[in-house]
Amino acid sequence: MRLSLLLACLVSAAASPALASTITFDDMSGPSFFDQTTGPQTVLYSIGTLDVTFNGGVILTVESNQSSDFTSVYATGSWQVPALSDISHGFENPLVIDFSAPIQNLQLDILNALAGDYELFDNAGNSLFFRLTTTGDVAMTEGFAATGSEVSLLYLTAPNAWDFAIDNVTFDEPLTVPEPSAWLLTAAGLTMMLRRYRFRRIDRY
């Protein structure tokens, strides 16, 4: 009985959507190409008493060469990527999100990204490493237990040649995509409980 209740709670927690403090960038618009912009664009949102500032990228709408998101995104790219060789502006890697006060948890979509290794990290020492195995049109959601006031997304594989965008930035809400470490802890906990439950059943016979 206890085991079934625990499993039900875990499934419910994993499936329940966050009551979002989410920034979608859909109230803004920009061109489809990096080279049609005037360079990096600082974007500021005020949510209640919290100011959220995005640095290093630019708003693109219906971004060229990707089909996973036809809305507005906050994107960055390097002229050293052959497809972006016409860029003449200094976009940055990492993208940086500044908050006017520390937050709890951060989750975002990353899309139109180059395959390789990425890191999400904050200025309080929390970080998440993840890998995209394919380049192109797949949007991927990543999140971690941030506690700082600045969060950065860094492309690690080729620090001088990058191309990625973010969307649906959620913070101060439960993560809907658990960190890999959280999945490992949950799996370990369930394994121990199942083993204990099995031994108790064997003892009864």
N, C-alpha and C. Protein backbone atom coordinates (compact mmCIF):
# COMPACT_ATOMS: atom_id res chain seq x y z
N MET A 1 0.82 -1.20 0.00
CA MET A 1 0.00 0.00 0.00
C MET A 1 0.86 1.26 0.00
N ARG A 2 1.86 1.29 0.90
CA ARG A 2 2.74 2.45 0.95
C ARG A 2 3.49 2.64 -0.36
N LEU A 3 3.91 1.49 -0.95
CA LEU A 3 4.64 1.55 -2.20
C LEU A 3 3.77 2.14 -3.31
N SER A 4 2.52 1.71 -3.39
CA SER A 4 1.64 2.22 -4.44
C SER A 4 1.34 3.70 -4.25
N LEU A 5 1.22 4.14 -3.00
CA LEU A 5 1.00 5.57 -2.73
C LEU A 5 2.21 6.39 -3.15
N LEU A 6 3.41 5.88 -2.85
CA LEU A 6 4.62 6.60 -3.23
C LEU A 6 4.74 6.70 -4.74
N LEU A 7 4.48 5.60 -5.43
CA LEU A 7 4.54 5.61 -6.89
C LEU A 7 3.53 6.60 -7.47
N ALA A 8 2.33 6.63 -6.91
CA ALA A 8 1.30 7.56 -7.39
C ALA A 8 1.74 9.00 -7.19
N CYS A 9 2.36 9.29 -6.04
CA CYS A 9 2.83 10.66 -5.77
C CYS A 9 3.94 11.06 -6.74
N LEU A 10 4.86 10.12 -7.03
CA LEU A 10 5.96 10.42 -7.94
C LEU A 10 5.45 10.68 -9.34
N VAL A 11 4.50 9.86 -9.81
CA VAL A 11 3.92 10.05 -11.14
C VAL A 11 3.20 11.37 -11.22
N SER A 12 2.43 11.70 -10.17
CA SER A 12 1.69 12.95 -10.15
C SER A 12 2.64 14.14 -10.17
N ALA A 13 3.72 14.07 -9.40
CA ALA A 13 4.67 15.18 -9.35
C ALA A 13 5.37 15.36 -10.69
N ALA A 14 5.68 14.24 -11.35
CA ALA A 14 6.37 14.35 -12.64
C ALA A 14 5.45 14.88 -13.73
N ALA A 15 4.13 14.59 -13.63
CA ALA A 15 3.21 14.96 -14.70
C ALA A 15 2.60 16.34 -14.51
N SER A 16 2.58 16.85 -13.29
CA SER A 16 1.89 18.11 -13.06
C SER A 16 2.66 19.28 -13.64
N PRO A 17 1.99 20.16 -14.41
CA PRO A 17 2.68 21.29 -15.01
C PRO A 17 3.00 22.36 -13.98
N ALA A 18 4.07 23.10 -14.24
CA ALA A 18 4.42 24.20 -13.35
C ALA A 18 3.44 25.35 -13.53
N LEU A 19 3.11 26.02 -12.44
CA LEU A 19 2.31 27.23 -12.52
C LEU A 19 3.26 28.35 -12.88
N ALA A 20 3.37 28.61 -14.18
CA ALA A 20 4.58 29.20 -14.70
C ALA A 20 4.78 30.67 -14.40
N SER A 21 6.00 30.97 -13.94
CA SER A 21 6.60 32.29 -14.13
C SER A 21 7.45 32.12 -15.38
N THR A 22 6.82 32.15 -16.54
CA THR A 22 7.47 31.77 -17.78
C THR A 22 7.58 32.96 -18.73
N ILE A 23 8.75 33.12 -19.32
CA ILE A 23 8.98 34.14 -20.34
C ILE A 23 9.06 33.44 -21.69
N THR A 24 8.15 33.81 -22.59
CA THR A 24 8.07 33.16 -23.90
C THR A 24 8.62 34.02 -25.03
N PHE A 25 8.88 35.30 -24.79
CA PHE A 25 9.36 36.25 -25.79
C PHE A 25 8.32 36.55 -26.88
N ASP A 26 7.10 36.02 -26.72
CA ASP A 26 6.11 36.17 -27.78
C ASP A 26 5.49 37.57 -27.83
N ASP A 27 5.80 38.40 -26.84
CA ASP A 27 5.33 39.80 -26.89
C ASP A 27 6.31 40.67 -27.68
N MET A 28 7.38 40.05 -28.21
CA MET A 28 8.39 40.78 -28.97
C MET A 28 8.54 40.12 -30.34
N SER A 29 9.10 40.86 -31.28
CA SER A 29 9.35 40.28 -32.59
C SER A 29 10.65 40.82 -33.16
N GLY A 30 11.22 40.04 -34.04
CA GLY A 30 12.46 40.44 -34.70
C GLY A 30 12.53 39.79 -36.06
N PRO A 31 13.64 39.96 -36.77
CA PRO A 31 13.79 39.32 -38.07
C PRO A 31 14.02 37.83 -37.92
N SER A 32 14.18 37.14 -39.03
CA SER A 32 14.42 35.70 -39.02
C SER A 32 15.90 35.36 -39.04
N PHE A 33 16.74 36.30 -39.41
CA PHE A 33 18.17 36.04 -39.59
C PHE A 33 19.00 36.90 -38.64
N PHE A 34 20.09 36.34 -38.15
CA PHE A 34 21.02 37.11 -37.32
C PHE A 34 21.54 38.34 -38.05
N ASP A 35 21.88 38.17 -39.35
CA ASP A 35 22.53 39.27 -40.06
C ASP A 35 21.58 40.41 -40.40
N GLN A 36 20.28 40.23 -40.11
CA GLN A 36 19.33 41.33 -40.31
C GLN A 36 19.13 42.15 -39.04
N THR A 37 19.84 41.79 -37.98
CA THR A 37 19.73 42.53 -36.72
C THR A 37 20.88 43.54 -36.61
N THR A 38 20.81 44.38 -35.58
CA THR A 38 21.88 45.35 -35.36
C THR A 38 22.84 44.89 -34.27
N GLY A 39 22.75 43.62 -33.89
CA GLY A 39 23.66 43.08 -32.89
C GLY A 39 22.96 42.67 -31.61
N PRO A 40 23.72 42.34 -30.58
CA PRO A 40 23.12 41.88 -29.32
C PRO A 40 22.08 42.85 -28.78
N GLN A 41 21.03 42.28 -28.24
CA GLN A 41 19.87 43.04 -27.75
C GLN A 41 19.62 42.66 -26.29
N THR A 42 19.76 43.62 -25.39
CA THR A 42 19.42 43.37 -23.99
C THR A 42 17.91 43.43 -23.85
N VAL A 43 17.34 42.37 -23.29
CA VAL A 43 15.88 42.27 -23.15
C VAL A 43 15.55 42.25 -21.67
N LEU A 44 14.64 43.12 -21.25
CA LEU A 44 14.26 43.24 -19.84
C LEU A 44 12.79 42.90 -19.66
N TYR A 45 12.50 42.04 -18.69
CA TYR A 45 11.14 41.74 -18.26
C TYR A 45 11.03 42.05 -16.78
N SER A 46 9.88 42.59 -16.38
CA SER A 46 9.58 42.79 -14.96
C SER A 46 8.39 41.92 -14.61
N ILE A 47 8.60 41.01 -13.67
CA ILE A 47 7.55 40.09 -13.24
C ILE A 47 7.35 40.32 -11.75
N GLY A 48 6.27 41.00 -11.39
CA GLY A 48 6.08 41.40 -10.00
C GLY A 48 7.19 42.35 -9.61
N THR A 49 7.91 42.02 -8.55
CA THR A 49 9.02 42.86 -8.10
C THR A 49 10.36 42.40 -8.66
N LEU A 50 10.34 41.37 -9.49
CA LEU A 50 11.58 40.79 -10.01
C LEU A 50 11.85 41.29 -11.42
N ASP A 51 13.07 41.80 -11.65
CA ASP A 51 13.52 42.16 -12.99
C ASP A 51 14.37 41.03 -13.55
N VAL A 52 14.11 40.68 -14.82
CA VAL A 52 14.84 39.61 -15.49
C VAL A 52 15.45 40.18 -16.76
N THR A 53 16.77 40.11 -16.89
CA THR A 53 17.48 40.71 -18.02
C THR A 53 18.23 39.63 -18.80
N PHE A 54 18.04 39.62 -20.11
CA PHE A 54 18.72 38.67 -21.00
C PHE A 54 19.82 39.41 -21.76
N ASN A 55 21.01 38.83 -21.77
CA ASN A 55 22.16 39.47 -22.41
C ASN A 55 22.89 38.50 -23.34
N GLY A 56 23.42 39.04 -24.43
CA GLY A 56 24.28 38.28 -25.32
C GLY A 56 23.65 37.83 -26.62
N GLY A 57 22.33 37.87 -26.71
CA GLY A 57 21.64 37.39 -27.90
C GLY A 57 20.71 38.44 -28.49
N VAL A 58 19.77 37.98 -29.27
CA VAL A 58 18.84 38.87 -29.95
C VAL A 58 17.52 38.14 -30.17
N ILE A 59 16.43 38.88 -30.24
CA ILE A 59 15.12 38.30 -30.54
C ILE A 59 15.04 37.98 -32.03
N LEU A 60 14.75 36.72 -32.34
CA LEU A 60 14.46 36.30 -33.71
C LEU A 60 13.07 35.69 -33.74
N THR A 61 12.32 35.96 -34.79
CA THR A 61 10.97 35.42 -34.94
C THR A 61 10.92 34.54 -36.18
N VAL A 62 10.34 33.34 -36.02
CA VAL A 62 10.34 32.33 -37.07
C VAL A 62 11.77 32.20 -37.61
N GLU A 63 12.67 31.83 -36.70
CA GLU A 63 14.09 31.81 -37.03
C GLU A 63 14.38 30.94 -38.24
N SER A 64 15.21 31.44 -39.12
CA SER A 64 15.56 30.73 -40.34
C SER A 64 16.24 29.39 -40.04
N ASN A 65 15.98 28.42 -40.89
CA ASN A 65 16.64 27.11 -40.86
C ASN A 65 16.28 26.25 -39.66
N GLN A 66 15.16 26.54 -38.99
CA GLN A 66 14.72 25.62 -37.94
C GLN A 66 13.20 25.55 -37.96
N SER A 67 12.67 24.39 -37.59
CA SER A 67 11.22 24.18 -37.69
C SER A 67 10.61 23.70 -36.38
N SER A 68 11.36 23.77 -35.28
CA SER A 68 10.83 23.28 -34.01
C SER A 68 10.10 24.36 -33.23
N ASP A 69 10.22 25.63 -33.63
CA ASP A 69 9.58 26.72 -32.90
C ASP A 69 9.37 27.88 -33.86
N PHE A 70 8.10 28.19 -34.15
CA PHE A 70 7.78 29.26 -35.09
C PHE A 70 7.39 30.55 -34.37
N THR A 71 7.80 30.68 -33.12
CA THR A 71 7.50 31.88 -32.35
C THR A 71 8.77 32.72 -32.23
N SER A 72 8.77 33.66 -31.29
CA SER A 72 9.97 34.45 -31.03
C SER A 72 10.85 33.73 -30.01
N VAL A 73 12.15 33.80 -30.23
CA VAL A 73 13.13 33.17 -29.33
C VAL A 73 14.24 34.17 -29.06
N TYR A 74 15.07 33.86 -28.07
CA TYR A 74 16.26 34.67 -27.80
C TYR A 74 17.45 33.84 -28.24
N ALA A 75 18.19 34.32 -29.25
CA ALA A 75 19.16 33.48 -29.94
C ALA A 75 20.54 34.12 -29.97
N THR A 76 21.54 33.27 -30.13
CA THR A 76 22.92 33.72 -30.28
C THR A 76 23.63 32.82 -31.28
N GLY A 77 24.59 33.38 -32.00
CA GLY A 77 25.32 32.61 -32.98
C GLY A 77 26.66 33.25 -33.29
N SER A 78 27.56 32.47 -33.85
CA SER A 78 28.91 32.93 -34.16
C SER A 78 29.16 32.90 -35.66
N TRP A 79 29.86 33.91 -36.17
CA TRP A 79 30.18 33.95 -37.59
C TRP A 79 31.10 32.81 -37.99
N GLN A 80 31.71 32.12 -37.01
CA GLN A 80 32.59 31.00 -37.35
C GLN A 80 31.83 29.73 -37.70
N VAL A 81 30.51 29.74 -37.49
CA VAL A 81 29.67 28.65 -38.00
C VAL A 81 29.40 28.94 -39.48
N PRO A 82 29.75 28.04 -40.40
CA PRO A 82 29.64 28.34 -41.83
C PRO A 82 28.28 28.91 -42.25
N ALA A 83 27.20 28.39 -41.71
CA ALA A 83 25.88 28.87 -42.12
C ALA A 83 25.61 30.30 -41.64
N LEU A 84 26.42 30.79 -40.71
CA LEU A 84 26.21 32.13 -40.15
C LEU A 84 27.36 33.06 -40.50
N SER A 85 28.05 32.78 -41.59
CA SER A 85 29.27 33.53 -41.93
C SER A 85 29.00 35.00 -42.24
N ASP A 86 27.74 35.37 -42.49
CA ASP A 86 27.43 36.77 -42.79
C ASP A 86 27.22 37.62 -41.54
N ILE A 87 27.22 37.00 -40.35
CA ILE A 87 27.04 37.76 -39.12
C ILE A 87 28.23 38.70 -38.92
N SER A 88 27.93 39.96 -38.64
CA SER A 88 29.01 40.92 -38.39
C SER A 88 28.90 41.53 -37.00
N HIS A 89 28.10 40.91 -36.14
CA HIS A 89 27.86 41.45 -34.81
C HIS A 89 28.39 40.50 -33.75
N GLY A 90 28.69 41.04 -32.57
CA GLY A 90 29.32 40.24 -31.53
C GLY A 90 28.35 39.57 -30.58
N PHE A 91 27.63 38.57 -31.06
CA PHE A 91 26.78 37.79 -30.17
C PHE A 91 27.65 36.95 -29.24
N GLU A 92 27.08 36.48 -28.15
CA GLU A 92 27.91 35.92 -27.09
C GLU A 92 27.57 34.47 -26.76
N ASN A 93 28.56 33.77 -26.26
CA ASN A 93 28.46 32.43 -25.69
C ASN A 93 29.22 32.48 -24.37
N PRO A 94 28.56 32.43 -23.23
CA PRO A 94 27.17 32.00 -23.03
C PRO A 94 26.15 33.13 -23.16
N LEU A 95 24.87 32.71 -23.30
CA LEU A 95 23.76 33.62 -23.03
C LEU A 95 23.65 33.75 -21.52
N VAL A 96 23.34 34.95 -21.03
CA VAL A 96 23.29 35.20 -19.58
C VAL A 96 21.94 35.80 -19.22
N ILE A 97 21.34 35.25 -18.16
CA ILE A 97 20.07 35.76 -17.62
C ILE A 97 20.34 36.29 -16.22
N ASP A 98 20.11 37.59 -16.01
CA ASP A 98 20.31 38.21 -14.71
C ASP A 98 18.97 38.44 -14.04
N PHE A 99 18.88 38.10 -12.77
CA PHE A 99 17.69 38.31 -11.96
C PHE A 99 18.01 39.33 -10.86
N SER A 100 17.05 40.17 -10.52
CA SER A 100 17.29 41.19 -9.51
C SER A 100 17.28 40.61 -8.10
N ALA A 101 16.94 39.34 -7.95
CA ALA A 101 16.98 38.64 -6.67
C ALA A 101 17.21 37.16 -6.95
N PRO A 102 17.77 36.41 -5.99
CA PRO A 102 17.97 34.98 -6.22
C PRO A 102 16.66 34.26 -6.54
N ILE A 103 16.76 33.24 -7.38
CA ILE A 103 15.60 32.45 -7.78
C ILE A 103 15.72 31.04 -7.23
N GLN A 104 14.65 30.27 -7.40
CA GLN A 104 14.64 28.84 -7.07
C GLN A 104 14.23 28.09 -8.32
N ASN A 105 15.15 27.32 -8.88
CA ASN A 105 14.90 26.50 -10.06
C ASN A 105 14.83 27.35 -11.33
N LEU A 106 15.34 26.78 -12.41
CA LEU A 106 15.22 27.39 -13.73
C LEU A 106 15.13 26.29 -14.76
N GLN A 107 14.24 26.51 -15.72
CA GLN A 107 14.03 25.55 -16.81
C GLN A 107 13.83 26.33 -18.09
N LEU A 108 14.35 25.81 -19.20
CA LEU A 108 14.18 26.50 -20.47
C LEU A 108 14.21 25.49 -21.62
N ASP A 109 13.73 25.94 -22.77
CA ASP A 109 13.84 25.17 -24.00
C ASP A 109 15.07 25.67 -24.75
N ILE A 110 15.86 24.74 -25.28
CA ILE A 110 16.99 25.08 -26.14
C ILE A 110 16.70 24.49 -27.51
N LEU A 111 16.91 25.28 -28.55
CA LEU A 111 16.52 24.83 -29.88
C LEU A 111 17.44 25.39 -30.95
N ASN A 112 17.25 24.86 -32.16
CA ASN A 112 18.09 25.21 -33.31
C ASN A 112 19.55 25.18 -32.92
N ALA A 113 19.93 24.16 -32.15
CA ALA A 113 21.24 24.14 -31.53
C ALA A 113 22.20 23.20 -32.26
N LEU A 114 23.49 23.49 -32.12
CA LEU A 114 24.50 22.59 -32.62
C LEU A 114 24.64 21.41 -31.67
N ALA A 115 24.84 20.24 -32.23
CA ALA A 115 25.10 19.07 -31.40
C ALA A 115 26.35 19.30 -30.57
N GLY A 116 26.37 18.72 -29.38
CA GLY A 116 27.53 18.85 -28.53
C GLY A 116 27.16 18.99 -27.08
N ASP A 117 28.12 19.44 -26.28
CA ASP A 117 27.95 19.54 -24.84
C ASP A 117 27.62 20.97 -24.44
N TYR A 118 26.70 21.08 -23.48
CA TYR A 118 26.26 22.37 -22.97
C TYR A 118 26.32 22.35 -21.44
N GLU A 119 26.38 23.54 -20.86
CA GLU A 119 26.29 23.67 -19.41
C GLU A 119 25.33 24.80 -19.05
N LEU A 120 24.41 24.51 -18.14
CA LEU A 120 23.58 25.52 -17.49
C LEU A 120 24.17 25.71 -16.10
N PHE A 121 24.45 26.95 -15.71
CA PHE A 121 25.03 27.15 -14.38
C PHE A 121 24.63 28.52 -13.83
N ASP A 122 24.66 28.63 -12.51
CA ASP A 122 24.35 29.92 -11.89
C ASP A 122 25.55 30.42 -11.09
N ASN A 123 25.41 31.61 -10.53
CA ASN A 123 26.51 32.22 -9.79
C ASN A 123 26.53 31.79 -8.33
N ALA A 124 25.77 30.73 -8.01
CA ALA A 124 25.80 30.17 -6.65
C ALA A 124 26.46 28.79 -6.64
N GLY A 125 27.04 28.40 -7.78
CA GLY A 125 27.76 27.13 -7.82
C GLY A 125 26.95 25.94 -8.28
N ASN A 126 25.71 26.14 -8.70
CA ASN A 126 24.87 25.04 -9.21
C ASN A 126 25.05 24.93 -10.72
N SER A 127 25.04 23.70 -11.23
CA SER A 127 25.22 23.54 -12.67
C SER A 127 24.58 22.25 -13.16
N LEU A 128 24.35 22.22 -14.46
CA LEU A 128 23.81 21.04 -15.14
C LEU A 128 24.53 20.91 -16.47
N PHE A 129 25.13 19.75 -16.72
CA PHE A 129 25.76 19.45 -18.00
C PHE A 129 24.81 18.55 -18.79
N PHE A 130 24.65 18.84 -20.08
CA PHE A 130 23.82 17.97 -20.91
C PHE A 130 24.36 17.97 -22.33
N ARG A 131 23.92 17.00 -23.10
CA ARG A 131 24.41 16.84 -24.48
C ARG A 131 23.24 16.78 -25.45
N LEU A 132 23.39 17.49 -26.56
CA LEU A 132 22.47 17.35 -27.69
C LEU A 132 23.17 16.46 -28.71
N THR A 133 22.50 15.40 -29.10
CA THR A 133 23.15 14.41 -29.98
C THR A 133 22.97 14.73 -31.45
N THR A 134 22.03 15.59 -31.79
CA THR A 134 21.81 15.94 -33.20
C THR A 134 21.75 17.45 -33.35
N THR A 135 22.18 17.91 -34.51
CA THR A 135 22.10 19.33 -34.84
C THR A 135 20.81 19.59 -35.60
N GLY A 136 20.11 20.68 -35.24
CA GLY A 136 18.97 21.04 -36.05
C GLY A 136 17.72 21.38 -35.30
N ASP A 137 16.62 20.79 -35.73
CA ASP A 137 15.30 21.33 -35.44
C ASP A 137 14.61 20.76 -34.22
N VAL A 138 15.30 20.06 -33.36
CA VAL A 138 14.66 19.47 -32.18
C VAL A 138 14.79 20.43 -31.00
N ALA A 139 13.66 20.76 -30.38
CA ALA A 139 13.68 21.56 -29.15
C ALA A 139 13.82 20.62 -27.96
N MET A 140 14.67 21.00 -27.02
CA MET A 140 14.94 20.16 -25.86
C MET A 140 14.75 20.99 -24.60
N THR A 141 14.10 20.44 -23.59
CA THR A 141 13.86 21.14 -22.34
C THR A 141 14.86 20.67 -21.29
N GLU A 142 15.52 21.63 -20.64
CA GLU A 142 16.49 21.32 -19.59
C GLU A 142 16.23 22.24 -18.40
N GLY A 143 16.47 21.73 -17.20
CA GLY A 143 16.28 22.55 -16.01
C GLY A 143 17.16 22.07 -14.87
N PHE A 144 17.41 22.97 -13.90
CA PHE A 144 18.23 22.58 -12.76
C PHE A 144 17.83 23.41 -11.55
N ALA A 145 18.31 22.99 -10.40
CA ALA A 145 17.94 23.63 -9.13
C ALA A 145 18.81 24.86 -8.90
N ALA A 146 18.55 25.91 -9.65
CA ALA A 146 19.29 27.15 -9.50
C ALA A 146 18.90 27.85 -8.21
N THR A 147 19.86 28.51 -7.57
CA THR A 147 19.58 29.30 -6.37
C THR A 147 20.24 30.67 -6.44
N GLY A 148 20.88 30.98 -7.54
CA GLY A 148 21.59 32.25 -7.66
C GLY A 148 20.75 33.34 -8.30
N SER A 149 21.41 34.44 -8.65
CA SER A 149 20.74 35.58 -9.29
C SER A 149 21.22 35.77 -10.73
N GLU A 150 22.06 34.86 -11.22
CA GLU A 150 22.51 34.91 -12.61
C GLU A 150 22.62 33.48 -13.13
N VAL A 151 22.04 33.23 -14.29
CA VAL A 151 22.09 31.90 -14.91
C VAL A 151 22.65 32.05 -16.32
N SER A 152 23.57 31.16 -16.68
CA SER A 152 24.20 31.20 -18.00
C SER A 152 24.01 29.87 -18.71
N LEU A 153 23.90 29.94 -20.03
CA LEU A 153 23.86 28.75 -20.87
C LEU A 153 25.04 28.81 -21.82
N LEU A 154 25.94 27.84 -21.70
CA LEU A 154 27.21 27.86 -22.42
C LEU A 154 27.33 26.64 -23.33
N TYR A 155 27.72 26.89 -24.59
CA TYR A 155 28.07 25.80 -25.51
C TYR A 155 29.53 25.47 -25.31
N LEU A 156 29.83 24.21 -24.96
CA LEU A 156 31.16 23.82 -24.55
C LEU A 156 32.01 23.24 -25.67
N THR A 157 31.37 22.57 -26.63
CA THR A 157 32.12 21.77 -27.60
C THR A 157 33.05 22.61 -28.46
N ALA A 158 32.56 23.74 -28.93
CA ALA A 158 33.40 24.66 -29.73
C ALA A 158 33.09 26.07 -29.26
N PRO A 159 33.77 26.53 -28.22
CA PRO A 159 33.42 27.82 -27.60
C PRO A 159 33.45 29.01 -28.55
N ASN A 160 34.15 28.89 -29.69
CA ASN A 160 34.22 30.00 -30.64
C ASN A 160 33.25 29.86 -31.81
N ALA A 161 32.51 28.75 -31.85
CA ALA A 161 31.57 28.51 -32.95
C ALA A 161 30.31 27.89 -32.38
N TRP A 162 29.26 28.68 -32.27
CA TRP A 162 28.04 28.21 -31.62
C TRP A 162 26.81 28.77 -32.35
N ASP A 163 25.68 28.16 -32.12
CA ASP A 163 24.40 28.62 -32.68
C ASP A 163 23.30 27.96 -31.89
N PHE A 164 22.64 28.70 -31.00
CA PHE A 164 21.53 28.14 -30.24
C PHE A 164 20.58 29.25 -29.82
N ALA A 165 19.38 28.85 -29.44
CA ALA A 165 18.36 29.80 -29.00
C ALA A 165 17.64 29.22 -27.79
N ILE A 166 17.04 30.10 -26.98
CA ILE A 166 16.26 29.67 -25.83
C ILE A 166 14.84 30.21 -25.93
N ASP A 167 13.93 29.51 -25.28
CA ASP A 167 12.52 29.91 -25.26
C ASP A 167 11.90 29.33 -24.00
N ASN A 168 10.73 29.84 -23.62
CA ASN A 168 9.94 29.31 -22.50
C ASN A 168 10.80 29.17 -21.24
N VAL A 169 11.35 30.29 -20.80
CA VAL A 169 12.21 30.32 -19.62
C VAL A 169 11.33 30.40 -18.37
N THR A 170 11.39 29.36 -17.54
CA THR A 170 10.56 29.25 -16.35
C THR A 170 11.44 29.23 -15.11
N PHE A 171 11.00 29.92 -14.06
CA PHE A 171 11.78 29.97 -12.82
C PHE A 171 10.84 30.11 -11.63
N ASP A 172 11.37 29.85 -10.43
CA ASP A 172 10.60 29.91 -9.19
C ASP A 172 9.38 28.99 -9.23
N GLU A 173 9.51 27.89 -9.93
CA GLU A 173 8.46 26.88 -10.03
C GLU A 173 9.10 25.50 -9.97
N PRO A 174 8.33 24.46 -9.60
CA PRO A 174 8.90 23.10 -9.63
C PRO A 174 9.36 22.74 -11.04
N LEU A 175 10.45 22.01 -11.13
CA LEU A 175 10.94 21.57 -12.43
C LEU A 175 10.03 20.49 -12.99
N THR A 176 9.65 20.62 -14.25
CA THR A 176 8.85 19.57 -14.89
C THR A 176 9.74 18.54 -15.55
N VAL A 177 11.01 18.86 -15.74
CA VAL A 177 12.00 17.90 -16.24
C VAL A 177 13.05 17.75 -15.16
N PRO A 178 13.02 16.66 -14.39
CA PRO A 178 14.00 16.50 -13.32
C PRO A 178 15.42 16.47 -13.85
N GLU A 179 16.35 16.96 -13.04
CA GLU A 179 17.76 16.87 -13.38
C GLU A 179 18.16 15.39 -13.42
N PRO A 180 19.20 15.04 -14.21
CA PRO A 180 19.67 13.65 -14.23
C PRO A 180 19.96 13.10 -12.84
N SER A 181 20.54 13.92 -11.97
CA SER A 181 20.85 13.46 -10.61
C SER A 181 19.58 13.13 -9.85
N ALA A 182 18.53 13.93 -10.10
CA ALA A 182 17.26 13.66 -9.42
C ALA A 182 16.67 12.34 -9.88
N TRP A 183 16.77 12.05 -11.18
CA TRP A 183 16.28 10.77 -11.68
C TRP A 183 17.06 9.62 -11.05
N LEU A 184 18.38 9.78 -10.92
CA LEU A 184 19.20 8.71 -10.34
C LEU A 184 18.83 8.47 -8.89
N LEU A 185 18.61 9.55 -8.13
CA LEU A 185 18.22 9.40 -6.74
C LEU A 185 16.86 8.73 -6.61
N THR A 186 15.93 9.14 -7.48
CA THR A 186 14.58 8.55 -7.45
C THR A 186 14.65 7.06 -7.77
N ALA A 187 15.43 6.71 -8.82
CA ALA A 187 15.56 5.31 -9.20
C ALA A 187 16.19 4.49 -8.08
N ALA A 188 17.22 5.07 -7.45
CA ALA A 188 17.88 4.36 -6.35
C ALA A 188 16.92 4.15 -5.19
N GLY A 189 16.13 5.18 -4.88
CA GLY A 189 15.16 5.08 -3.79
C GLY A 189 14.11 4.03 -4.07
N LEU A 190 13.59 4.03 -5.30
CA LEU A 190 12.57 3.04 -5.66
C LEU A 190 13.14 1.62 -5.62
N THR A 191 14.39 1.46 -6.08
CA THR A 191 15.02 0.14 -6.06
C THR A 191 15.14 -0.38 -4.63
N MET A 192 15.56 0.50 -3.72
CA MET A 192 15.71 0.10 -2.32
C MET A 192 14.36 -0.27 -1.71
N MET A 193 13.32 0.54 -2.03
CA MET A 193 12.00 0.26 -1.48
C MET A 193 11.43 -1.06 -2.00
N LEU A 194 11.62 -1.28 -3.32
CA LEU A 194 11.12 -2.53 -3.91
C LEU A 194 11.84 -3.73 -3.30
N ARG A 195 13.15 -3.60 -3.10
CA ARG A 195 13.93 -4.70 -2.52
C ARG A 195 13.46 -4.99 -1.10
N ARG A 196 13.25 -3.91 -0.34
CA ARG A 196 12.79 -4.07 1.05
C ARG A 196 11.40 -4.71 1.09
N TYR A 197 10.53 -4.23 0.18
CA TYR A 197 9.16 -4.76 0.12
C TYR A 197 9.18 -6.25 -0.23
N ARG A 198 10.08 -6.62 -1.16
CA ARG A 198 10.18 -8.02 -1.58
C ARG A 198 10.66 -8.89 -0.42
N PHE A 199 11.67 -8.40 0.31
CA PHE A 199 12.17 -9.18 1.45
C PHE A 199 11.10 -9.35 2.51
N ARG A 200 10.29 -8.32 2.72
CA ARG A 200 9.22 -8.44 3.73
C ARG A 200 8.20 -9.48 3.31
N ARG A 201 7.89 -9.52 2.02
CA ARG A 201 6.93 -10.51 1.54
C ARG A 201 7.48 -11.92 1.68
N ILE A 202 8.80 -12.08 1.40
CA ILE A 202 9.42 -13.40 1.54
C ILE A 202 9.39 -13.83 3.00
N ASP A 203 9.62 -12.88 3.93
CA ASP A 203 9.63 -13.21 5.36
C ASP A 203 8.28 -13.72 5.84
N ARG A 204 7.20 -13.29 5.17
CA ARG A 204 5.87 -13.68 5.62
C ARG A 204 5.56 -15.14 5.30
N TYR A 205 6.26 -15.69 4.30
CA TYR A 205 5.96 -17.05 3.85
C TYR A 205 6.83 -18.08 4.51
